């Protein structure tokens, strides 16, 4: 059984304490979850941010930085 995507995101961010960009997360997750679209990832990140698990900040013009809050 596969790990839920939101759990995989948290685990990925835990391994990268300085944070990752949204595009880096997407590329890493696509290896395991081929059906994942970028829009789905953005919705999951929004839910994680609302629940106080991650912080999403604008990093560059079209890139966001995602950091785990612990």
N, C-alpha and C. Protein backbone atom coordinates (compact mmCIF):
# COMPACT_ATOMS: atom_id res chain seq x y z
N UNK A 1 0.85 -1.19 0.00
CA UNK A 1 0.00 0.00 0.00
C UNK A 1 0.89 1.25 0.00
N UNK A 2 0.52 2.22 -0.81
CA UNK A 2 1.29 3.46 -0.93
C UNK A 2 0.97 4.44 0.19
N UNK A 3 1.95 5.27 0.48
CA UNK A 3 1.79 6.35 1.45
C UNK A 3 0.87 7.41 0.86
N UNK A 4 -0.08 7.95 1.64
CA UNK A 4 -0.90 9.06 1.13
C UNK A 4 -0.01 10.22 0.69
N UNK A 5 -0.45 10.97 -0.32
CA UNK A 5 0.37 12.03 -0.88
C UNK A 5 0.72 13.09 0.16
N UNK A 6 -0.25 13.48 0.99
CA UNK A 6 0.05 14.52 1.98
C UNK A 6 1.10 14.07 2.98
N UNK A 7 1.10 12.79 3.32
CA UNK A 7 2.12 12.25 4.21
C UNK A 7 3.48 12.22 3.51
N UNK A 8 3.49 11.87 2.23
CA UNK A 8 4.74 11.86 1.46
C UNK A 8 5.34 13.26 1.37
N UNK A 9 4.49 14.28 1.25
CA UNK A 9 4.96 15.67 1.21
C UNK A 9 5.63 16.04 2.53
N UNK A 10 4.98 15.71 3.64
CA UNK A 10 5.53 16.02 4.97
C UNK A 10 6.86 15.30 5.17
N UNK A 11 6.94 14.03 4.77
CA UNK A 11 8.19 13.27 4.91
C UNK A 11 9.30 13.87 4.05
N UNK A 12 8.94 14.30 2.84
CA UNK A 12 9.91 14.92 1.93
C UNK A 12 10.44 16.22 2.52
N UNK A 13 9.56 17.02 3.09
CA UNK A 13 9.98 18.28 3.70
C UNK A 13 10.79 18.05 4.98
N UNK A 14 10.50 16.97 5.70
CA UNK A 14 11.26 16.66 6.91
C UNK A 14 12.71 16.31 6.55
N UNK A 15 12.92 15.72 5.38
CA UNK A 15 14.27 15.38 4.93
C UNK A 15 15.00 16.60 4.37
N UNK A 16 14.27 17.69 4.10
CA UNK A 16 14.85 18.91 3.54
C UNK A 16 14.45 20.09 4.43
N UNK A 17 15.11 20.26 5.57
CA UNK A 17 14.69 21.27 6.56
C UNK A 17 14.71 22.71 6.04
N UNK A 18 15.49 22.99 5.01
CA UNK A 18 15.51 24.36 4.47
C UNK A 18 14.33 24.61 3.53
N UNK A 19 13.55 23.59 3.25
CA UNK A 19 12.39 23.73 2.39
C UNK A 19 12.69 23.38 0.95
N UNK A 20 11.63 23.25 0.16
CA UNK A 20 11.72 22.94 -1.26
C UNK A 20 10.77 23.85 -2.01
N UNK A 21 11.01 24.02 -3.30
CA UNK A 21 10.05 24.77 -4.11
C UNK A 21 8.90 23.84 -4.49
N UNK A 22 7.79 24.45 -4.90
CA UNK A 22 6.65 23.64 -5.32
C UNK A 22 7.01 22.75 -6.50
N UNK A 23 7.84 23.23 -7.39
CA UNK A 23 8.24 22.45 -8.56
C UNK A 23 9.14 21.28 -8.18
N UNK A 24 10.03 21.48 -7.21
CA UNK A 24 10.89 20.39 -6.74
C UNK A 24 10.05 19.28 -6.09
N UNK A 25 9.07 19.68 -5.30
CA UNK A 25 8.19 18.70 -4.67
C UNK A 25 7.44 17.92 -5.74
N UNK A 26 6.93 18.62 -6.73
CA UNK A 26 6.17 17.98 -7.80
C UNK A 26 7.03 16.95 -8.54
N UNK A 27 8.25 17.32 -8.90
CA UNK A 27 9.13 16.41 -9.64
C UNK A 27 9.44 15.16 -8.80
N UNK A 28 9.72 15.35 -7.51
CA UNK A 28 10.04 14.22 -6.64
C UNK A 28 8.83 13.30 -6.43
N UNK A 29 7.65 13.88 -6.31
CA UNK A 29 6.45 13.07 -6.08
C UNK A 29 5.99 12.34 -7.33
N UNK A 30 6.25 12.92 -8.50
CA UNK A 30 5.82 12.29 -9.75
C UNK A 30 6.50 10.94 -9.97
N UNK A 31 7.67 10.74 -9.36
CA UNK A 31 8.35 9.44 -9.47
C UNK A 31 7.49 8.33 -8.87
N UNK A 32 6.79 8.66 -7.80
CA UNK A 32 5.98 7.67 -7.08
C UNK A 32 4.50 7.74 -7.45
N UNK A 33 4.01 8.93 -7.76
CA UNK A 33 2.58 9.14 -8.01
C UNK A 33 2.41 9.72 -9.41
N UNK A 34 2.41 8.85 -10.43
CA UNK A 34 2.32 9.31 -11.81
C UNK A 34 1.03 10.05 -12.11
N UNK A 35 -0.01 9.74 -11.38
CA UNK A 35 -1.33 10.35 -11.65
C UNK A 35 -1.46 11.75 -11.05
N UNK A 36 -0.48 12.19 -10.27
CA UNK A 36 -0.54 13.49 -9.60
C UNK A 36 -0.40 14.64 -10.60
N UNK A 37 -1.34 15.57 -10.58
CA UNK A 37 -1.22 16.77 -11.41
C UNK A 37 -0.70 17.91 -10.53
N UNK A 38 -0.16 18.95 -11.18
CA UNK A 38 0.36 20.09 -10.44
C UNK A 38 -0.76 20.77 -9.66
N UNK A 39 -1.96 20.86 -10.24
CA UNK A 39 -3.11 21.47 -9.56
C UNK A 39 -3.49 20.69 -8.30
N UNK A 40 -3.42 19.37 -8.37
CA UNK A 40 -3.71 18.55 -7.18
C UNK A 40 -2.69 18.83 -6.09
N UNK A 41 -1.43 18.93 -6.48
CA UNK A 41 -0.38 19.23 -5.51
C UNK A 41 -0.65 20.57 -4.84
N UNK A 42 -1.02 21.58 -5.60
CA UNK A 42 -1.28 22.90 -5.04
C UNK A 42 -2.45 22.86 -4.06
N UNK A 43 -3.49 22.08 -4.36
CA UNK A 43 -4.63 21.94 -3.44
C UNK A 43 -4.20 21.27 -2.14
N UNK A 44 -3.36 20.24 -2.24
CA UNK A 44 -2.88 19.54 -1.05
C UNK A 44 -2.01 20.48 -0.21
N UNK A 45 -1.14 21.26 -0.86
CA UNK A 45 -0.30 22.21 -0.14
C UNK A 45 -1.15 23.26 0.58
N UNK A 46 -2.23 23.69 -0.06
CA UNK A 46 -3.13 24.67 0.57
C UNK A 46 -3.77 24.07 1.83
N UNK A 47 -4.21 22.83 1.76
CA UNK A 47 -4.81 22.17 2.93
C UNK A 47 -3.79 22.02 4.05
N UNK A 48 -2.55 21.64 3.68
CA UNK A 48 -1.50 21.50 4.70
C UNK A 48 -1.18 22.86 5.33
N UNK A 49 -1.23 23.92 4.53
CA UNK A 49 -0.96 25.27 5.06
C UNK A 49 -2.09 25.72 5.99
N UNK A 50 -3.32 25.48 5.60
CA UNK A 50 -4.47 25.85 6.43
C UNK A 50 -4.42 25.13 7.78
N UNK A 51 -3.96 23.88 7.76
CA UNK A 51 -3.87 23.10 8.99
C UNK A 51 -2.61 23.37 9.80
N UNK A 52 -1.79 24.33 9.36
CA UNK A 52 -0.61 24.72 10.11
C UNK A 52 0.54 23.74 10.06
N UNK A 53 0.58 22.92 9.02
CA UNK A 53 1.64 21.91 8.90
C UNK A 53 2.81 22.44 8.08
N UNK A 54 2.51 23.24 7.05
CA UNK A 54 3.56 23.82 6.21
C UNK A 54 3.33 25.32 6.07
N UNK A 55 4.40 26.01 5.65
CA UNK A 55 4.31 27.43 5.31
C UNK A 55 4.68 27.54 3.83
N UNK A 56 3.82 28.21 3.06
CA UNK A 56 4.07 28.40 1.63
C UNK A 56 4.27 29.89 1.40
N UNK A 57 5.42 30.25 0.85
CA UNK A 57 5.71 31.65 0.57
C UNK A 57 6.13 31.80 -0.88
N UNK A 58 5.85 32.97 -1.44
CA UNK A 58 6.27 33.24 -2.82
C UNK A 58 7.78 33.41 -2.80
N UNK A 59 8.45 32.64 -3.65
CA UNK A 59 9.90 32.59 -3.67
C UNK A 59 10.45 33.42 -4.84
N UNK A 60 9.89 33.22 -6.00
CA UNK A 60 10.20 33.99 -7.19
C UNK A 60 8.88 34.29 -7.87
N UNK A 61 8.93 34.84 -9.07
CA UNK A 61 7.70 35.27 -9.73
C UNK A 61 6.65 34.15 -9.80
N UNK A 62 7.05 32.98 -10.25
CA UNK A 62 6.08 31.88 -10.40
C UNK A 62 6.48 30.64 -9.61
N UNK A 63 7.24 30.83 -8.55
CA UNK A 63 7.70 29.70 -7.74
C UNK A 63 7.38 29.98 -6.29
N UNK A 64 6.98 28.93 -5.59
CA UNK A 64 6.69 29.05 -4.17
C UNK A 64 7.63 28.15 -3.38
N UNK A 65 8.03 28.64 -2.22
CA UNK A 65 8.86 27.84 -1.32
C UNK A 65 7.97 27.24 -0.24
N UNK A 66 8.17 25.98 0.04
CA UNK A 66 7.36 25.25 1.01
C UNK A 66 8.28 24.78 2.13
N UNK A 67 7.91 25.11 3.37
CA UNK A 67 8.69 24.72 4.53
C UNK A 67 7.80 24.02 5.53
N UNK A 68 8.35 23.02 6.19
CA UNK A 68 7.63 22.29 7.23
C UNK A 68 7.67 23.10 8.52
N UNK A 69 6.54 23.24 9.17
CA UNK A 69 6.46 23.96 10.46
C UNK A 69 6.44 22.92 11.58
N UNK A 70 7.48 22.92 12.40
CA UNK A 70 7.50 22.00 13.55
C UNK A 70 8.15 22.65 14.73
